[in-house]
Amino acid sequence: MYGKVLVPMALDHGISPQTLEIANALLSKGGQIIALHVYEAPQGSVSVYLDEEAVKAGFEAARQSLSEKVSAYANVTPVIIKGHSARTVIDYAQAEAVDCIVMGSHKPGLRDFFLGSTTARVVRHAPCSVHVHRTST
């Protein structure tokens, strides 16, 4: 059982309910689950065409979506951070002394045949245990 479990959540994938349930099953009594969404701001040439208000609106929409996804779970704290997905998950786990990361992996491409690219990076570099939930699709 773990005292602090981190659940990275991609808001556009439907795996979050399963990973939150797994985290809850792994959580020790009185423990904490953190649902983390890493918001990757538009980069490169795309960012030239977006004004600051559009970027802020996108971030707020992501914050709202994360809050809605975890609202049914009493012991889950939603956290949203700007950054690069894998690196930010790893850094957050280190800074917050997370005991376990529970994350999903879906439809890998040829390059990342066994795990999705973000999941593969987290598994390789995480400072704690990582539980990977694979979907069947």
N, C-alpha and C. Protein backbone atom coordinates (compact mmCIF):
# COMPACT_ATOMS: atom_id res chain seq x y z
N MET A 1 0.84 -1.19 0.00
CA MET A 1 0.00 0.00 0.00
C MET A 1 0.88 1.25 0.00
N TYR A 2 0.36 2.28 -0.59
CA TYR A 2 1.13 3.51 -0.77
C TYR A 2 0.43 4.69 -0.11
N GLY A 3 1.22 5.60 0.44
CA GLY A 3 0.68 6.77 1.12
C GLY A 3 0.37 7.93 0.18
N LYS A 4 1.14 8.07 -0.90
CA LYS A 4 0.91 9.15 -1.85
C LYS A 4 1.02 8.58 -3.25
N VAL A 5 -0.11 8.60 -3.96
CA VAL A 5 -0.18 8.01 -5.30
C VAL A 5 -0.48 9.12 -6.31
N LEU A 6 0.31 9.16 -7.36
CA LEU A 6 0.16 10.14 -8.44
C LEU A 6 -0.48 9.46 -9.64
N VAL A 7 -1.55 10.06 -10.16
CA VAL A 7 -2.22 9.54 -11.35
C VAL A 7 -2.15 10.60 -12.45
N PRO A 8 -1.18 10.48 -13.36
CA PRO A 8 -1.13 11.41 -14.49
C PRO A 8 -2.35 11.16 -15.38
N MET A 9 -3.00 12.24 -15.79
CA MET A 9 -4.24 12.11 -16.56
C MET A 9 -4.16 12.89 -17.86
N ALA A 10 -4.33 12.17 -18.97
CA ALA A 10 -4.50 12.82 -20.27
C ALA A 10 -6.00 13.02 -20.43
N LEU A 11 -6.44 14.25 -20.51
CA LEU A 11 -7.87 14.55 -20.46
C LEU A 11 -8.64 14.10 -21.69
N ASP A 12 -7.94 13.81 -22.77
CA ASP A 12 -8.61 13.39 -23.98
C ASP A 12 -8.67 11.88 -24.15
N HIS A 13 -8.20 11.13 -23.16
CA HIS A 13 -8.26 9.67 -23.20
C HIS A 13 -9.24 9.19 -22.15
N GLY A 14 -9.89 8.08 -22.40
CA GLY A 14 -10.92 7.58 -21.49
C GLY A 14 -10.43 6.63 -20.43
N ILE A 15 -9.14 6.59 -20.17
CA ILE A 15 -8.60 5.61 -19.23
C ILE A 15 -8.58 6.10 -17.77
N SER A 16 -8.80 7.36 -17.55
CA SER A 16 -8.69 7.94 -16.21
C SER A 16 -9.53 7.26 -15.14
N PRO A 17 -10.78 6.88 -15.40
CA PRO A 17 -11.55 6.20 -14.35
C PRO A 17 -10.89 4.91 -13.88
N GLN A 18 -10.29 4.16 -14.80
CA GLN A 18 -9.63 2.91 -14.42
C GLN A 18 -8.38 3.18 -13.59
N THR A 19 -7.57 4.15 -13.99
CA THR A 19 -6.35 4.42 -13.25
C THR A 19 -6.65 5.01 -11.87
N LEU A 20 -7.70 5.80 -11.77
CA LEU A 20 -8.09 6.32 -10.45
C LEU A 20 -8.56 5.20 -9.53
N GLU A 21 -9.29 4.22 -10.08
CA GLU A 21 -9.74 3.09 -9.27
C GLU A 21 -8.56 2.24 -8.81
N ILE A 22 -7.59 2.04 -9.70
CA ILE A 22 -6.39 1.28 -9.33
C ILE A 22 -5.64 2.02 -8.23
N ALA A 23 -5.49 3.32 -8.38
CA ALA A 23 -4.80 4.12 -7.36
C ALA A 23 -5.51 4.00 -6.02
N ASN A 24 -6.82 4.03 -6.05
CA ASN A 24 -7.59 3.91 -4.81
C ASN A 24 -7.37 2.54 -4.16
N ALA A 25 -7.27 1.49 -4.97
CA ALA A 25 -7.03 0.15 -4.44
C ALA A 25 -5.63 0.02 -3.84
N LEU A 26 -4.67 0.76 -4.37
CA LEU A 26 -3.29 0.70 -3.89
C LEU A 26 -3.01 1.65 -2.72
N LEU A 27 -3.95 2.51 -2.42
CA LEU A 27 -3.77 3.56 -1.43
C LEU A 27 -3.92 3.01 -0.01
N SER A 28 -2.99 3.37 0.85
CA SER A 28 -3.12 2.99 2.25
C SER A 28 -4.13 3.91 2.93
N LYS A 29 -4.66 3.45 4.05
CA LYS A 29 -5.65 4.23 4.79
C LYS A 29 -5.05 5.59 5.16
N GLY A 30 -5.79 6.64 4.87
CA GLY A 30 -5.34 7.99 5.14
C GLY A 30 -4.40 8.55 4.08
N GLY A 31 -4.20 7.81 3.00
CA GLY A 31 -3.30 8.25 1.94
C GLY A 31 -3.91 9.32 1.04
N GLN A 32 -3.13 9.74 0.08
CA GLN A 32 -3.53 10.83 -0.81
C GLN A 32 -3.34 10.41 -2.26
N ILE A 33 -4.33 10.71 -3.09
CA ILE A 33 -4.22 10.52 -4.54
C ILE A 33 -4.17 11.90 -5.18
N ILE A 34 -3.20 12.09 -6.05
CA ILE A 34 -3.07 13.35 -6.79
C ILE A 34 -3.31 13.05 -8.26
N ALA A 35 -4.32 13.69 -8.83
CA ALA A 35 -4.60 13.56 -10.26
C ALA A 35 -3.89 14.72 -10.95
N LEU A 36 -2.86 14.39 -11.72
CA LEU A 36 -2.03 15.42 -12.35
C LEU A 36 -2.26 15.46 -13.84
N HIS A 37 -2.60 16.64 -14.34
CA HIS A 37 -2.66 16.85 -15.78
C HIS A 37 -1.55 17.82 -16.15
N VAL A 38 -0.75 17.43 -17.12
CA VAL A 38 0.31 18.31 -17.61
C VAL A 38 -0.21 18.99 -18.87
N TYR A 39 -0.35 20.30 -18.78
CA TYR A 39 -0.84 21.09 -19.90
C TYR A 39 0.35 21.51 -20.75
N GLU A 40 0.36 21.01 -21.97
CA GLU A 40 1.43 21.39 -22.89
C GLU A 40 0.94 22.55 -23.75
N ALA A 41 1.50 23.71 -23.49
CA ALA A 41 1.11 24.91 -24.24
C ALA A 41 1.49 24.75 -25.70
N PRO A 42 0.72 25.37 -26.60
CA PRO A 42 1.05 25.30 -28.03
C PRO A 42 2.48 25.77 -28.28
N GLN A 43 3.18 25.04 -29.13
CA GLN A 43 4.58 25.33 -29.40
C GLN A 43 4.79 25.73 -30.87
N GLY A 44 5.97 26.22 -31.14
CA GLY A 44 6.40 26.49 -32.51
C GLY A 44 5.53 27.46 -33.26
N SER A 45 5.30 27.15 -34.52
CA SER A 45 4.57 28.08 -35.39
C SER A 45 3.11 28.24 -34.98
N VAL A 46 2.54 27.26 -34.31
CA VAL A 46 1.15 27.36 -33.86
C VAL A 46 1.00 28.51 -32.86
N SER A 47 1.96 28.66 -31.96
CA SER A 47 1.86 29.68 -30.93
C SER A 47 1.85 31.10 -31.49
N VAL A 48 2.38 31.27 -32.68
CA VAL A 48 2.39 32.60 -33.31
C VAL A 48 0.96 33.06 -33.62
N TYR A 49 0.08 32.12 -33.92
CA TYR A 49 -1.28 32.45 -34.33
C TYR A 49 -2.27 32.52 -33.17
N LEU A 50 -1.82 32.25 -31.97
CA LEU A 50 -2.71 32.30 -30.81
C LEU A 50 -2.37 33.47 -29.92
N ASP A 51 -3.39 34.21 -29.53
CA ASP A 51 -3.12 35.30 -28.60
C ASP A 51 -3.11 34.77 -27.17
N GLU A 52 -2.65 35.57 -26.26
CA GLU A 52 -2.49 35.16 -24.87
C GLU A 52 -3.82 34.73 -24.25
N GLU A 53 -4.90 35.40 -24.63
CA GLU A 53 -6.22 35.04 -24.08
C GLU A 53 -6.65 33.65 -24.52
N ALA A 54 -6.34 33.28 -25.76
CA ALA A 54 -6.70 31.95 -26.26
C ALA A 54 -5.94 30.87 -25.49
N VAL A 55 -4.68 31.12 -25.20
CA VAL A 55 -3.87 30.17 -24.44
C VAL A 55 -4.40 30.05 -23.01
N LYS A 56 -4.74 31.20 -22.40
CA LYS A 56 -5.31 31.17 -21.04
C LYS A 56 -6.64 30.43 -21.02
N ALA A 57 -7.45 30.64 -22.05
CA ALA A 57 -8.76 29.96 -22.13
C ALA A 57 -8.56 28.44 -22.26
N GLY A 58 -7.57 28.02 -23.03
CA GLY A 58 -7.28 26.59 -23.16
C GLY A 58 -6.84 25.98 -21.85
N PHE A 59 -6.01 26.70 -21.12
CA PHE A 59 -5.54 26.23 -19.81
C PHE A 59 -6.71 26.13 -18.83
N GLU A 60 -7.56 27.13 -18.81
CA GLU A 60 -8.72 27.11 -17.90
C GLU A 60 -9.70 26.00 -18.27
N ALA A 61 -9.86 25.74 -19.57
CA ALA A 61 -10.74 24.64 -20.01
C ALA A 61 -10.18 23.30 -19.53
N ALA A 62 -8.86 23.15 -19.59
CA ALA A 62 -8.22 21.93 -19.11
C ALA A 62 -8.40 21.79 -17.60
N ARG A 63 -8.23 22.90 -16.88
CA ARG A 63 -8.42 22.88 -15.42
C ARG A 63 -9.85 22.45 -15.07
N GLN A 64 -10.81 22.99 -15.77
CA GLN A 64 -12.22 22.65 -15.53
C GLN A 64 -12.49 21.18 -15.85
N SER A 65 -11.95 20.70 -16.96
CA SER A 65 -12.14 19.30 -17.34
C SER A 65 -11.54 18.35 -16.31
N LEU A 66 -10.35 18.68 -15.80
CA LEU A 66 -9.72 17.86 -14.77
C LEU A 66 -10.58 17.84 -13.51
N SER A 67 -11.07 18.98 -13.09
CA SER A 67 -11.92 19.05 -11.90
C SER A 67 -13.18 18.21 -12.06
N GLU A 68 -13.78 18.25 -13.24
CA GLU A 68 -14.98 17.46 -13.51
C GLU A 68 -14.67 15.96 -13.46
N LYS A 69 -13.54 15.56 -14.03
CA LYS A 69 -13.19 14.14 -14.07
C LYS A 69 -12.95 13.55 -12.69
N VAL A 70 -12.48 14.35 -11.75
CA VAL A 70 -12.18 13.82 -10.42
C VAL A 70 -13.23 14.18 -9.37
N SER A 71 -14.27 14.88 -9.76
CA SER A 71 -15.27 15.35 -8.79
C SER A 71 -15.97 14.22 -8.05
N ALA A 72 -16.06 13.04 -8.65
CA ALA A 72 -16.74 11.92 -8.01
C ALA A 72 -15.86 11.20 -7.00
N TYR A 73 -14.60 11.58 -6.89
CA TYR A 73 -13.65 10.91 -6.00
C TYR A 73 -13.30 11.84 -4.84
N ALA A 74 -13.69 11.44 -3.65
CA ALA A 74 -13.51 12.30 -2.47
C ALA A 74 -12.05 12.48 -2.08
N ASN A 75 -11.22 11.48 -2.31
CA ASN A 75 -9.84 11.53 -1.83
C ASN A 75 -8.83 11.88 -2.93
N VAL A 76 -9.30 12.55 -4.00
CA VAL A 76 -8.42 12.89 -5.11
C VAL A 76 -8.25 14.40 -5.20
N THR A 77 -7.00 14.83 -5.26
CA THR A 77 -6.68 16.25 -5.40
C THR A 77 -6.26 16.52 -6.84
N PRO A 78 -7.00 17.39 -7.56
CA PRO A 78 -6.59 17.70 -8.93
C PRO A 78 -5.48 18.74 -8.95
N VAL A 79 -4.48 18.51 -9.80
CA VAL A 79 -3.36 19.44 -9.97
C VAL A 79 -3.09 19.57 -11.47
N ILE A 80 -2.94 20.78 -11.94
CA ILE A 80 -2.59 21.01 -13.34
C ILE A 80 -1.33 21.86 -13.39
N ILE A 81 -0.39 21.44 -14.23
CA ILE A 81 0.89 22.11 -14.35
C ILE A 81 1.23 22.23 -15.83
N LYS A 82 1.85 23.33 -16.20
CA LYS A 82 2.34 23.50 -17.57
C LYS A 82 3.70 22.84 -17.69
N GLY A 83 3.93 22.18 -18.82
CA GLY A 83 5.23 21.56 -19.04
C GLY A 83 5.18 20.48 -20.09
N HIS A 84 6.24 19.68 -20.16
CA HIS A 84 6.33 18.53 -21.05
C HIS A 84 5.85 17.32 -20.26
N SER A 85 4.99 16.52 -20.84
CA SER A 85 4.30 15.45 -20.10
C SER A 85 5.21 14.57 -19.26
N ALA A 86 6.08 13.82 -19.87
CA ALA A 86 6.89 12.85 -19.12
C ALA A 86 7.81 13.54 -18.10
N ARG A 87 8.52 14.54 -18.53
CA ARG A 87 9.48 15.21 -17.65
C ARG A 87 8.77 15.84 -16.45
N THR A 88 7.60 16.43 -16.68
CA THR A 88 6.87 17.09 -15.60
C THR A 88 6.33 16.06 -14.60
N VAL A 89 5.85 14.93 -15.08
CA VAL A 89 5.38 13.87 -14.18
C VAL A 89 6.52 13.39 -13.30
N ILE A 90 7.66 13.15 -13.89
CA ILE A 90 8.83 12.68 -13.15
C ILE A 90 9.28 13.72 -12.12
N ASP A 91 9.39 14.96 -12.54
CA ASP A 91 9.81 16.03 -11.63
C ASP A 91 8.82 16.22 -10.50
N TYR A 92 7.52 16.18 -10.81
CA TYR A 92 6.50 16.36 -9.78
C TYR A 92 6.57 15.21 -8.76
N ALA A 93 6.72 13.99 -9.25
CA ALA A 93 6.80 12.83 -8.35
C ALA A 93 8.00 12.98 -7.41
N GLN A 94 9.09 13.46 -7.93
CA GLN A 94 10.30 13.66 -7.11
C GLN A 94 10.07 14.75 -6.07
N ALA A 95 9.56 15.90 -6.52
CA ALA A 95 9.38 17.05 -5.62
C ALA A 95 8.36 16.79 -4.53
N GLU A 96 7.35 16.00 -4.82
CA GLU A 96 6.27 15.75 -3.87
C GLU A 96 6.42 14.44 -3.11
N ALA A 97 7.55 13.77 -3.26
CA ALA A 97 7.82 12.50 -2.58
C ALA A 97 6.69 11.49 -2.78
N VAL A 98 6.32 11.29 -4.02
CA VAL A 98 5.26 10.34 -4.39
C VAL A 98 5.79 8.92 -4.21
N ASP A 99 4.95 8.03 -3.69
CA ASP A 99 5.32 6.64 -3.46
C ASP A 99 5.08 5.75 -4.68
N CYS A 100 4.06 6.09 -5.47
CA CYS A 100 3.69 5.27 -6.62
C CYS A 100 3.00 6.13 -7.67
N ILE A 101 3.28 5.84 -8.92
CA ILE A 101 2.61 6.49 -10.04
C ILE A 101 1.75 5.43 -10.71
N VAL A 102 0.48 5.74 -10.93
CA VAL A 102 -0.42 4.84 -11.64
C VAL A 102 -0.83 5.53 -12.92
N MET A 103 -0.43 4.96 -14.05
CA MET A 103 -0.77 5.60 -15.31
C MET A 103 -1.18 4.59 -16.36
N GLY A 104 -1.91 5.07 -17.32
CA GLY A 104 -2.38 4.21 -18.39
C GLY A 104 -1.45 4.27 -19.59
N SER A 105 -1.59 3.26 -20.42
CA SER A 105 -0.88 3.21 -21.68
C SER A 105 -1.87 2.70 -22.72
N HIS A 106 -1.88 3.32 -23.86
CA HIS A 106 -2.86 2.98 -24.88
C HIS A 106 -2.22 2.87 -26.24
N LYS A 107 -2.80 2.12 -27.11
CA LYS A 107 -2.42 1.97 -28.51
C LYS A 107 -1.02 2.47 -28.86
N PRO A 108 -0.01 1.74 -28.52
CA PRO A 108 1.33 2.21 -28.85
C PRO A 108 1.60 2.15 -30.34
N GLY A 109 2.46 3.02 -30.79
CA GLY A 109 2.92 2.97 -32.17
C GLY A 109 4.10 2.03 -32.26
N LEU A 110 4.63 1.86 -33.46
CA LEU A 110 5.75 0.95 -33.66
C LEU A 110 6.96 1.36 -32.83
N ARG A 111 7.20 2.65 -32.73
CA ARG A 111 8.35 3.15 -31.99
C ARG A 111 8.28 2.77 -30.50
N ASP A 112 7.09 2.77 -29.96
CA ASP A 112 6.91 2.46 -28.54
C ASP A 112 5.98 1.26 -28.42
N PHE A 113 6.42 0.14 -28.95
CA PHE A 113 5.56 -1.02 -29.08
C PHE A 113 4.97 -1.49 -27.76
N PHE A 114 5.73 -1.50 -26.68
CA PHE A 114 5.23 -2.06 -25.44
C PHE A 114 4.49 -1.05 -24.57
N LEU A 115 4.89 0.20 -24.59
CA LEU A 115 4.25 1.24 -23.81
C LEU A 115 4.15 2.50 -24.66
N GLY A 116 3.21 3.38 -24.32
CA GLY A 116 3.16 4.68 -24.99
C GLY A 116 4.41 5.46 -24.64
N SER A 117 4.76 6.44 -25.44
CA SER A 117 6.03 7.15 -25.25
C SER A 117 6.12 7.85 -23.90
N THR A 118 5.05 8.50 -23.45
CA THR A 118 5.09 9.17 -22.15
C THR A 118 5.24 8.14 -21.03
N THR A 119 4.46 7.09 -21.09
CA THR A 119 4.53 6.05 -20.08
C THR A 119 5.91 5.40 -20.05
N ALA A 120 6.46 5.13 -21.21
CA ALA A 120 7.78 4.51 -21.27
C ALA A 120 8.83 5.39 -20.61
N ARG A 121 8.78 6.68 -20.85
CA ARG A 121 9.75 7.59 -20.24
C ARG A 121 9.58 7.65 -18.72
N VAL A 122 8.33 7.69 -18.27
CA VAL A 122 8.09 7.74 -16.82
C VAL A 122 8.58 6.46 -16.16
N VAL A 123 8.29 5.31 -16.76
CA VAL A 123 8.74 4.03 -16.19
C VAL A 123 10.26 4.01 -16.07
N ARG A 124 10.95 4.49 -17.09
CA ARG A 124 12.42 4.46 -17.08
C ARG A 124 13.04 5.40 -16.06
N HIS A 125 12.40 6.54 -15.79
CA HIS A 125 13.06 7.58 -15.00
C HIS A 125 12.37 7.96 -13.69
N ALA A 126 11.26 7.35 -13.38
CA ALA A 126 10.52 7.72 -12.16
C ALA A 126 11.32 7.40 -10.90
N PRO A 127 11.18 8.23 -9.88
CA PRO A 127 11.89 8.01 -8.62
C PRO A 127 11.14 7.08 -7.66
N CYS A 128 10.10 6.42 -8.17
CA CYS A 128 9.26 5.58 -7.31
C CYS A 128 8.68 4.43 -8.13
N SER A 129 7.86 3.62 -7.51
CA SER A 129 7.18 2.54 -8.22
C SER A 129 6.22 3.11 -9.26
N VAL A 130 6.04 2.38 -10.35
CA VAL A 130 5.09 2.78 -11.39
C VAL A 130 4.22 1.59 -11.73
N HIS A 131 2.91 1.79 -11.66
CA HIS A 131 1.95 0.77 -12.04
C HIS A 131 1.36 1.20 -13.38
N VAL A 132 1.49 0.36 -14.40
CA VAL A 132 0.98 0.71 -15.73
C VAL A 132 -0.26 -0.12 -16.01
N HIS A 133 -1.33 0.56 -16.36
CA HIS A 133 -2.58 -0.11 -16.74
C HIS A 133 -2.70 -0.03 -18.25
N ARG A 134 -2.70 -1.18 -18.89
CA ARG A 134 -2.83 -1.23 -20.34
C ARG A 134 -4.30 -1.40 -20.74
N THR A 135 -4.72 -0.66 -21.73
CA THR A 135 -6.06 -0.85 -22.25
C THR A 135 -6.02 -1.92 -23.32
N SER A 136 -7.17 -2.48 -23.63
CA SER A 136 -7.22 -3.54 -24.64
C SER A 136 -7.32 -2.97 -26.05
N THR A 137 -7.53 -1.66 -26.19
CA THR A 137 -7.64 -1.07 -27.52
C THR A 137 -6.42 -0.31 -27.91
